PDB file of N, CA and C in Angstrom:
ATOM      1  N   MET A   1     107.840  91.498 105.134  1.00  0.00           N
ATOM      2  CA  MET A   1     108.046  90.653 107.191  1.00  0.00           C
ATOM      3  C   MET A   1     107.137  89.357 106.582  1.00  0.00           C
ATOM      4  N   VAL A   2     105.760  89.625 105.689  1.00  0.00           N
ATOM      5  CA  VAL A   2     104.979  88.362 105.312  1.00  0.00           C
ATOM      6  C   VAL A   2     105.237  87.830 103.636  1.00  0.00           C
ATOM      7  N   ASN A   3     106.731  87.786 103.430  1.00  0.00           N
ATOM      8  CA  ASN A   3     106.924  87.180 102.624  1.00  0.00           C
ATOM      9  C   ASN A   3     108.706  85.766 103.688  1.00  0.00           C
ATOM     10  N   LEU A   4     108.644  87.101 104.548  1.00  0.00           N
ATOM     11  CA  LEU A   4     109.413  86.109 105.542  1.00  0.00           C
ATOM     12  C   LEU A   4     109.019  84.757 105.968  1.00  0.00           C
ATOM     13  N   ILE A   5     107.570  85.743 107.091  1.00  0.00           N
ATOM     14  CA  ILE A   5     107.376  84.681 107.560  1.00  0.00           C
ATOM     15  C   ILE A   5     106.661  83.569 106.046  1.00  0.00           C
ATOM     16  N   MET A   6     106.330  84.003 105.280  1.00  0.00           N
ATOM     17  CA  MET A   6     105.626  83.140 103.802  1.00  0.00           C
ATOM     18  C   MET A   6     107.156  81.678 103.523  1.00  0.00           C
ATOM     19  N   GLN A   7     108.193  82.481 103.693  1.00  0.00           N
ATOM     20  CA  GLN A   7     109.239  81.667 103.346  1.00  0.00           C
ATOM     21  C   GLN A   7     109.814  80.921 104.790  1.00  0.00           C
ATOM     22  N   GLU A   8     109.864  81.372 105.644  1.00  0.00           N
ATOM     23  CA  GLU A   8     109.713  80.090 107.237  1.00  0.00           C
ATOM     24  C   GLU A   8     109.109  79.085 106.589  1.00  0.00           C
ATOM     25  N   LEU A   9     107.459  79.356 106.074  1.00  0.00           N
ATOM     26  CA  LEU A   9     106.248  77.489 106.478  1.00  0.00           C
ATOM     27  C   LEU A   9     106.829  77.405 105.147  1.00  0.00           C
ATOM     28  N   LYS A  10     107.040  77.812 104.456  1.00  0.00           N
ATOM     29  CA  LYS A  10     107.164  77.357 103.007  1.00  0.00           C
ATOM     30  C   LYS A  10     109.028  75.773 103.208  1.00  0.00           C
ATOM     31  N   ALA A  11     109.270  76.111 104.184  1.00  0.00           N
ATOM     32  CA  ALA A  11     111.223  75.801 105.049  1.00  0.00           C
ATOM     33  C   ALA A  11     110.282  74.213 104.699  1.00  0.00           C
ATOM     34  N   ARG A  12     109.437  74.869 105.832  1.00  0.00           N
ATOM     35  CA  ARG A  12     108.760  73.935 107.128  1.00  0.00           C
ATOM     36  C   ARG A  12     107.983  72.659 106.522  1.00  0.00           C
ATOM     37  N   GLY A  13     108.172  72.824 105.220  1.00  0.00           N
ATOM     38  CA  GLY A  13     106.624  72.494 104.254  1.00  0.00           C
ATOM     39  C   GLY A  13     105.431  72.698 103.996  1.00  0.00           C
ATOM     40  N   ILE A  14     104.983  74.465 104.729  1.00  0.00           N
ATOM     41  CA  ILE A  14     103.906  73.838 104.946  1.00  0.00           C
ATOM     42  C   ILE A  14     103.801  75.655 103.757  1.00  0.00           C
ATOM     43  N   ASN A  15     103.180  75.114 102.708  1.00  0.00           N
ATOM     44  CA  ASN A  15     102.926  75.914 101.542  1.00  0.00           C
ATOM     45  C   ASN A  15     101.148  76.384 100.622  1.00  0.00           C
ATOM     46  N   ASN A  16     101.016  77.450 102.238  1.00  0.00           N
ATOM     47  CA  ASN A  16      99.744  76.904 102.096  1.00  0.00           C
ATOM     48  C   ASN A  16      99.489  78.839 101.423  1.00  0.00           C
ATOM     49  N   LYS A  17      98.304  79.367 101.073  1.00  0.00           N
ATOM     50  CA  LYS A  17      98.805  80.869 100.590  1.00  0.00           C
ATOM     51  C   LYS A  17      97.538  81.931 101.537  1.00  0.00           C
ATOM     52  N   HIS A  18      98.159  83.443 100.780  1.00  0.00           N
ATOM     53  CA  HIS A  18      97.752  83.291 102.320  1.00  0.00           C
ATOM     54  C   HIS A  18      97.886  85.341 101.498  1.00  0.00           C
ATOM     55  N   THR A  19      97.099  85.861 102.312  1.00  0.00           N
ATOM     56  CA  THR A  19      96.156  87.257 101.863  1.00  0.00           C
ATOM     57  C   THR A  19      96.788  88.086 103.161  1.00  0.00           C
ATOM     58  N   LEU A  20      97.173  89.459 102.660  1.00  0.00           N
ATOM     59  CA  LEU A  20      97.682  90.821 103.495  1.00  0.00           C
ATOM     60  C   LEU A  20      96.454  91.819 103.934  1.00  0.00           C
ATOM     61  N   ALA A  21      96.193  92.134 105.058  1.00  0.00           N
ATOM     62  CA  ALA A  21      94.865  92.961 104.888  1.00  0.00           C
ATOM     63  C   ALA A  21      95.304  93.346 106.020  1.00  0.00           C
ATOM     64  N   TYR A  22      94.708  95.013 106.682  1.00  0.00           N
ATOM     65  CA  TYR A  22      94.936  96.086 108.066  1.00  0.00           C
ATOM     66  C   TYR A  22      94.025  95.897 108.763  1.00  0.00           C
ATOM     67  N   GLN A  23      93.909  96.123 109.565  1.00  0.00           N
ATOM     68  CA  GLN A  23      92.821  96.407 110.551  1.00  0.00           C
ATOM     69  C   GLN A  23      92.868  97.406 111.870  1.00  0.00           C
ATOM     70  N   SER A  24      92.355  97.983 112.221  1.00  0.00           N
ATOM     71  CA  SER A  24      92.649  98.767 113.161  1.00  0.00           C
ATOM     72  C   SER A  24      91.771 100.446 113.079  1.00  0.00           C
ATOM     73  N   ARG A  25      91.757 100.183 111.821  1.00  0.00           N
ATOM     74  CA  ARG A  25      90.304 100.960 111.313  1.00  0.00           C
ATOM     75  C   ARG A  25      89.333 101.393 112.109  1.00  0.00           C
ATOM     76  N   VAL A  26      89.156 102.876 112.813  1.00  0.00           N
ATOM     77  CA  VAL A  26      88.346 104.166 113.105  1.00  0.00           C
ATOM     78  C   VAL A  26      87.442 104.439 113.013  1.00  0.00           C
ATOM     79  N   ASP A  27      86.114 104.172 112.562  1.00  0.00           N
ATOM     80  CA  ASP A  27      85.522 105.222 112.099  1.00  0.00           C
ATOM     81  C   ASP A  27      85.469 105.366 110.681  1.00  0.00           C
ATOM     82  N   PRO A  28      85.237 106.012 109.911  1.00  0.00           N
ATOM     83  CA  PRO A  28      84.910 105.828 108.509  1.00  0.00           C
ATOM     84  C   PRO A  28      86.449 106.527 107.183  1.00  0.00           C
ATOM     85  N   VAL A  29      87.394 106.893 108.596  1.00  0.00           N
ATOM     86  CA  VAL A  29      88.138 107.472 108.257  1.00  0.00           C
ATOM     87  C   VAL A  29      89.590 105.893 107.305  1.00  0.00           C
ATOM     88  N   GLN A  30      89.997 106.942 105.646  1.00  0.00           N
ATOM     89  CA  GLN A  30      90.257 106.263 105.328  1.00  0.00           C
ATOM     90  C   GLN A  30      92.022 105.246 105.678  1.00  0.00           C
ATOM     91  N   TRP A  31      91.875 104.194 105.714  1.00  0.00           N
ATOM     92  CA  TRP A  31      92.845 103.662 106.347  1.00  0.00           C
ATOM     93  C   TRP A  31      93.718 102.460 104.948  1.00  0.00           C
ATOM     94  N   LEU A  32      94.513 102.257 105.448  1.00  0.00           N
ATOM     95  CA  LEU A  32      95.469 101.121 103.984  1.00  0.00           C
ATOM     96  C   LEU A  32      94.537 100.262 104.160  1.00  0.00           C
ATOM     97  N   LYS A  33      94.548 100.096 103.042  1.00  0.00           N
ATOM     98  CA  LYS A  33      93.161  98.946 102.027  1.00  0.00           C
ATOM     99  C   LYS A  33      94.644  97.420 101.923  1.00  0.00           C
ATOM    100  N   PRO A  34      94.338  96.597 101.422  1.00  0.00           N
ATOM    101  CA  PRO A  34      92.661  95.409 102.142  1.00  0.00           C
ATOM    102  C   PRO A  34      91.888  95.823 103.740  1.00  0.00           C
ATOM    103  N   TYR A  35      90.965  96.033 103.389  1.00  0.00           N
ATOM    104  CA  TYR A  35      90.579  95.976 105.320  1.00  0.00           C
ATOM    105  C   TYR A  35      90.472  94.836 105.336  1.00  0.00           C
ATOM    106  N   THR A  36      90.395  94.201 106.726  1.00  0.00           N
ATOM    107  CA  THR A  36      90.162  92.730 106.910  1.00  0.00           C
ATOM    108  C   THR A  36      89.055  92.298 107.356  1.00  0.00           C
ATOM    109  N   ASP A  37      87.846  93.286 107.453  1.00  0.00           N
ATOM    110  CA  ASP A  37      86.429  92.789 107.480  1.00  0.00           C
ATOM    111  C   ASP A  37      86.337  92.773 105.867  1.00  0.00           C
ATOM    112  N   GLU A  38      86.203  93.332 104.995  1.00  0.00           N
ATOM    113  CA  GLU A  38      86.015  93.164 103.949  1.00  0.00           C
ATOM    114  C   GLU A  38      86.356  92.260 103.610  1.00  0.00           C
ATOM    115  N   THR A  39      87.952  91.854 103.842  1.00  0.00           N
ATOM    116  CA  THR A  39      88.829  90.663 103.844  1.00  0.00           C
ATOM    117  C   THR A  39      88.480  89.579 103.823  1.00  0.00           C
ATOM    118  N   LEU A  40      87.812  89.131 105.555  1.00  0.00           N
ATOM    119  CA  LEU A  40      87.762  88.154 105.806  1.00  0.00           C
ATOM    120  C   LEU A  40      85.046  87.460 104.818  1.00  0.00           C
ATOM    121  N   VAL A  41      85.104  88.972 105.033  1.00  0.00           N
ATOM    122  CA  VAL A  41      83.557  88.688 103.728  1.00  0.00           C
ATOM    123  C   VAL A  41      84.016  88.499 102.126  1.00  0.00           C
ATOM    124  N   GLU A  42      85.288  88.156 102.276  1.00  0.00           N
ATOM    125  CA  GLU A  42      85.984  88.424 100.518  1.00  0.00           C
ATOM    126  C   GLU A  42      86.160  86.770 100.642  1.00  0.00           C
ATOM    127  N   LEU A  43      87.565  86.372 101.656  1.00  0.00           N
ATOM    128  CA  LEU A  43      87.556  85.214 101.568  1.00  0.00           C
ATOM    129  C   LEU A  43      86.011  84.070 101.795  1.00  0.00           C
ATOM    130  N   GLY A  44      85.009  84.746 102.885  1.00  0.00           N
ATOM    131  CA  GLY A  44      83.998  83.743 103.508  1.00  0.00           C
ATOM    132  C   GLY A  44      83.381  83.604 101.855  1.00  0.00           C
ATOM    133  N   GLN A  45      83.125  84.904 101.108  1.00  0.00           N
ATOM    134  CA  GLN A  45      82.630  83.794  99.602  1.00  0.00           C
ATOM    135  C   GLN A  45      83.136  82.913  98.309  1.00  0.00           C
ATOM    136  N   LYS A  46      84.346  83.059  99.632  1.00  0.00           N
ATOM    137  CA  LYS A  46      85.206  82.693  98.611  1.00  0.00           C
ATOM    138  C   LYS A  46      85.488  80.774  98.924  1.00  0.00           C
ATOM    139  N   GLY A  47      84.547  80.425  99.700  1.00  0.00           N
ATOM    140  CA  GLY A  47      84.357  79.345 100.225  1.00  0.00           C
ATOM    141  C   GLY A  47      84.786  78.851 102.036  1.00  0.00           C
ATOM    142  N   VAL A  48      86.354  80.372 102.260  1.00  0.00           N
ATOM    143  CA  VAL A  48      87.569  80.256 102.712  1.00  0.00           C
ATOM    144  C   VAL A  48      86.263  79.705 103.840  1.00  0.00           C
ATOM    145  N   ARG A  49      86.402  78.514 105.168  1.00  0.00           N
ATOM    146  CA  ARG A  49      86.450  78.382 106.463  1.00  0.00           C
ATOM    147  C   ARG A  49      86.883  78.202 107.226  1.00  0.00           C
ATOM    148  N   SER A  50      88.484  78.361 107.273  1.00  0.00           N
ATOM    149  CA  SER A  50      89.347  78.514 108.028  1.00  0.00           C
ATOM    150  C   SER A  50      90.449  79.201 108.396  1.00  0.00           C
ATOM    151  N   LEU A  51      90.825  80.332 109.587  1.00  0.00           N
ATOM    152  CA  LEU A  51      91.946  79.980 108.422  1.00  0.00           C
ATOM    153  C   LEU A  51      93.252  80.661 110.650  1.00  0.00           C
ATOM    154  N   LEU A  52      94.385  81.529 109.574  1.00  0.00           N
ATOM    155  CA  LEU A  52      94.955  82.263 110.899  1.00  0.00           C
ATOM    156  C   LEU A  52      95.569  83.254 110.543  1.00  0.00           C
ATOM    157  N   ALA A  53      95.303  84.014 111.682  1.00  0.00           N
ATOM    158  CA  ALA A  53      95.973  85.341 111.176  1.00  0.00           C
ATOM    159  C   ALA A  53      97.096  85.715 111.845  1.00  0.00           C
ATOM    160  N   VAL A  54      97.736  85.900 111.452  1.00  0.00           N
ATOM    161  CA  VAL A  54      99.424  86.372 111.644  1.00  0.00           C
ATOM    162  C   VAL A  54     100.147  88.002 111.875  1.00  0.00           C
ATOM    163  N   PRO A  55      99.764  88.867 112.883  1.00  0.00           N
ATOM    164  CA  PRO A  55     100.213  89.917 113.021  1.00  0.00           C
ATOM    165  C   PRO A  55     100.955  90.655 112.892  1.00  0.00           C
ATOM    166  N   VAL A  56     101.251  91.233 112.164  1.00  0.00           N
ATOM    167  CA  VAL A  56     102.855  91.303 111.823  1.00  0.00           C
ATOM    168  C   VAL A  56     103.376  92.641 112.223  1.00  0.00           C
ATOM    169  N   SER A  57     102.756  93.609 113.005  1.00  0.00           N
ATOM    170  CA  SER A  57     102.817  94.559 113.528  1.00  0.00           C
ATOM    171  C   SER A  57     102.812  94.727 114.731  1.00  0.00           C
ATOM    172  N   PHE A  58     102.941  95.371 115.250  1.00  0.00           N
ATOM    173  CA  PHE A  58     102.313  95.842 116.729  1.00  0.00           C
ATOM    174  C   PHE A  58     101.326  94.956 117.734  1.00  0.00           C
ATOM    175  N   VAL A  59     102.796  93.664 117.907  1.00  0.00           N
ATOM    176  CA  VAL A  59     102.137  93.047 118.172  1.00  0.00           C
ATOM    177  C   VAL A  59     102.255  92.561 120.295  1.00  0.00           C
ATOM    178  N   SER A  60     103.710  93.540 120.060  1.00  0.00           N
ATOM    179  CA  SER A  60     103.686  93.122 121.801  1.00  0.00           C
ATOM    180  C   SER A  60     102.910  94.786 122.363  1.00  0.00           C
ATOM    181  N   GLU A  61     102.689  95.679 121.374  1.00  0.00           N
ATOM    182  CA  GLU A  61     102.568  97.877 122.756  1.00  0.00           C
ATOM    183  C   GLU A  61     101.624  97.412 122.508  1.00  0.00           C
ATOM    184  N   HIS A  62     100.530  96.557 121.826  1.00  0.00           N
ATOM    185  CA  HIS A  62      99.201  96.960 121.231  1.00  0.00           C
ATOM    186  C   HIS A  62      98.223  95.696 121.403  1.00  0.00           C
ATOM    187  N   ILE A  63      97.748  95.829 122.799  1.00  0.00           N
ATOM    188  CA  ILE A  63      97.283  94.353 123.372  1.00  0.00           C
ATOM    189  C   ILE A  63      95.851  95.091 122.257  1.00  0.00           C
ATOM    190  N   GLU A  64      94.873  96.057 121.896  1.00  0.00           N
ATOM    191  CA  GLU A  64      93.875  96.072 120.980  1.00  0.00           C
ATOM    192  C   GLU A  64      94.306  95.178 120.193  1.00  0.00           C
ATOM    193  N   THR A  65      95.311  95.606 118.792  1.00  0.00           N
ATOM    194  CA  THR A  65      94.678  94.508 118.224  1.00  0.00           C
ATOM    195  C   THR A  65      95.204  92.883 118.117  1.00  0.00           C
ATOM    196  N   LEU A  66      95.621  92.644 119.585  1.00  0.00           N
ATOM    197  CA  LEU A  66      95.258  91.151 119.359  1.00  0.00           C
ATOM    198  C   LEU A  66      93.960  90.663 120.178  1.00  0.00           C
ATOM    199  N   GLU A  67      93.325  91.633 120.665  1.00  0.00           N
ATOM    200  CA  GLU A  67      91.837  91.893 120.754  1.00  0.00           C
ATOM    201  C   GLU A  67      90.829  91.841 119.734  1.00  0.00           C
ATOM    202  N   GLU A  68      91.110  92.526 118.956  1.00  0.00           N
ATOM    203  CA  GLU A  68      90.437  92.908 117.762  1.00  0.00           C
ATOM    204  C   GLU A  68      90.257  91.260 116.969  1.00  0.00           C
ATOM    205  N   ILE A  69      91.963  90.868 116.873  1.00  0.00           N
ATOM    206  CA  ILE A  69      91.909  89.802 115.815  1.00  0.00           C
ATOM    207  C   ILE A  69      91.425  88.275 116.841  1.00  0.00           C
ATOM    208  N   ASP A  70      91.536  88.492 117.678  1.00  0.00           N
ATOM    209  CA  ASP A  70      91.360  87.020 118.588  1.00  0.00           C
ATOM    210  C   ASP A  70      89.602  87.099 118.663  1.00  0.00           C
ATOM    211  N   MET A  71      88.981  88.261 119.027  1.00  0.00           N
ATOM    212  CA  MET A  71      87.991  87.515 119.613  1.00  0.00           C
ATOM    213  C   MET A  71      87.320  89.070 118.458  1.00  0.00           C
ATOM    214  N   GLU A  72      87.190  89.766 118.006  1.00  0.00           N
ATOM    215  CA  GLU A  72      86.084  90.549 117.393  1.00  0.00           C
ATOM    216  C   GLU A  72      86.588  89.755 116.041  1.00  0.00           C
ATOM    217  N   TYR A  73      87.411  89.880 115.527  1.00  0.00           N
ATOM    218  CA  TYR A  73      86.813  88.853 113.674  1.00  0.00           C
ATOM    219  C   TYR A  73      86.960  87.742 114.220  1.00  0.00           C
ATOM    220  N   ARG A  74      86.733  87.141 114.739  1.00  0.00           N
ATOM    221  CA  ARG A  74      86.585  85.746 114.784  1.00  0.00           C
ATOM    222  C   ARG A  74      84.422  85.602 115.446  1.00  0.00           C
ATOM    223  N   GLU A  75      84.046  86.421 116.374  1.00  0.00           N
ATOM    224  CA  GLU A  75      82.882  86.348 116.395  1.00  0.00           C
ATOM    225  C   GLU A  75      82.189  87.562 115.095  1.00  0.00           C
ATOM    226  N   PHE A  76      82.880  87.656 113.995  1.00  0.00           N
ATOM    227  CA  PHE A  76      82.479  88.551 112.621  1.00  0.00           C
ATOM    228  C   PHE A  76      82.356  87.450 111.916  1.00  0.00           C
ATOM    229  N   GLY A  77      83.436  86.721 112.051  1.00  0.00           N
ATOM    230  CA  GLY A  77      83.529  85.603 111.179  1.00  0.00           C
ATOM    231  C   GLY A  77      82.577  83.786 111.277  1.00  0.00           C
ATOM    232  N   ARG A  78      81.559  84.267 112.342  1.00  0.00           N
ATOM    233  CA  ARG A  78      80.524  83.051 113.279  1.00  0.00           C
ATOM    234  C   ARG A  78      79.027  83.837 112.784  1.00  0.00           C
ATOM    235  N   CYS A  79      79.555  84.787 112.354  1.00  0.00           N
ATOM    236  CA  CYS A  79      78.307  85.648 111.330  1.00  0.00           C
ATOM    237  C   CYS A  79      78.299  85.645 110.332  1.00  0.00           C
ATOM    238  N   MET A  80      78.966  84.818 109.303  1.00  0.00           N
ATOM    239  CA  MET A  80      79.310  85.351 108.394  1.00  0.00           C
ATOM    240  C   MET A  80      78.509  84.410 107.511  1.00  0.00           C
TER     241      MET A  80
END
């Protein structure tokens, strides 16, 4: 899915870099990595100050995913 998104962007003349990360980790349970919150820290340390998050699954049936991306990670980024 990510490759298809990046191909479409490239076809439209947009050649941005991308990073894949996973969210919706709950408690200390092991989840798919890299974790989004840790990835945001790493990107911030590399000087990234602006990004676009594109959820590639759970976008229509899981409103909490959108809430995490739109609200929690925005606040997380402001604290960095």
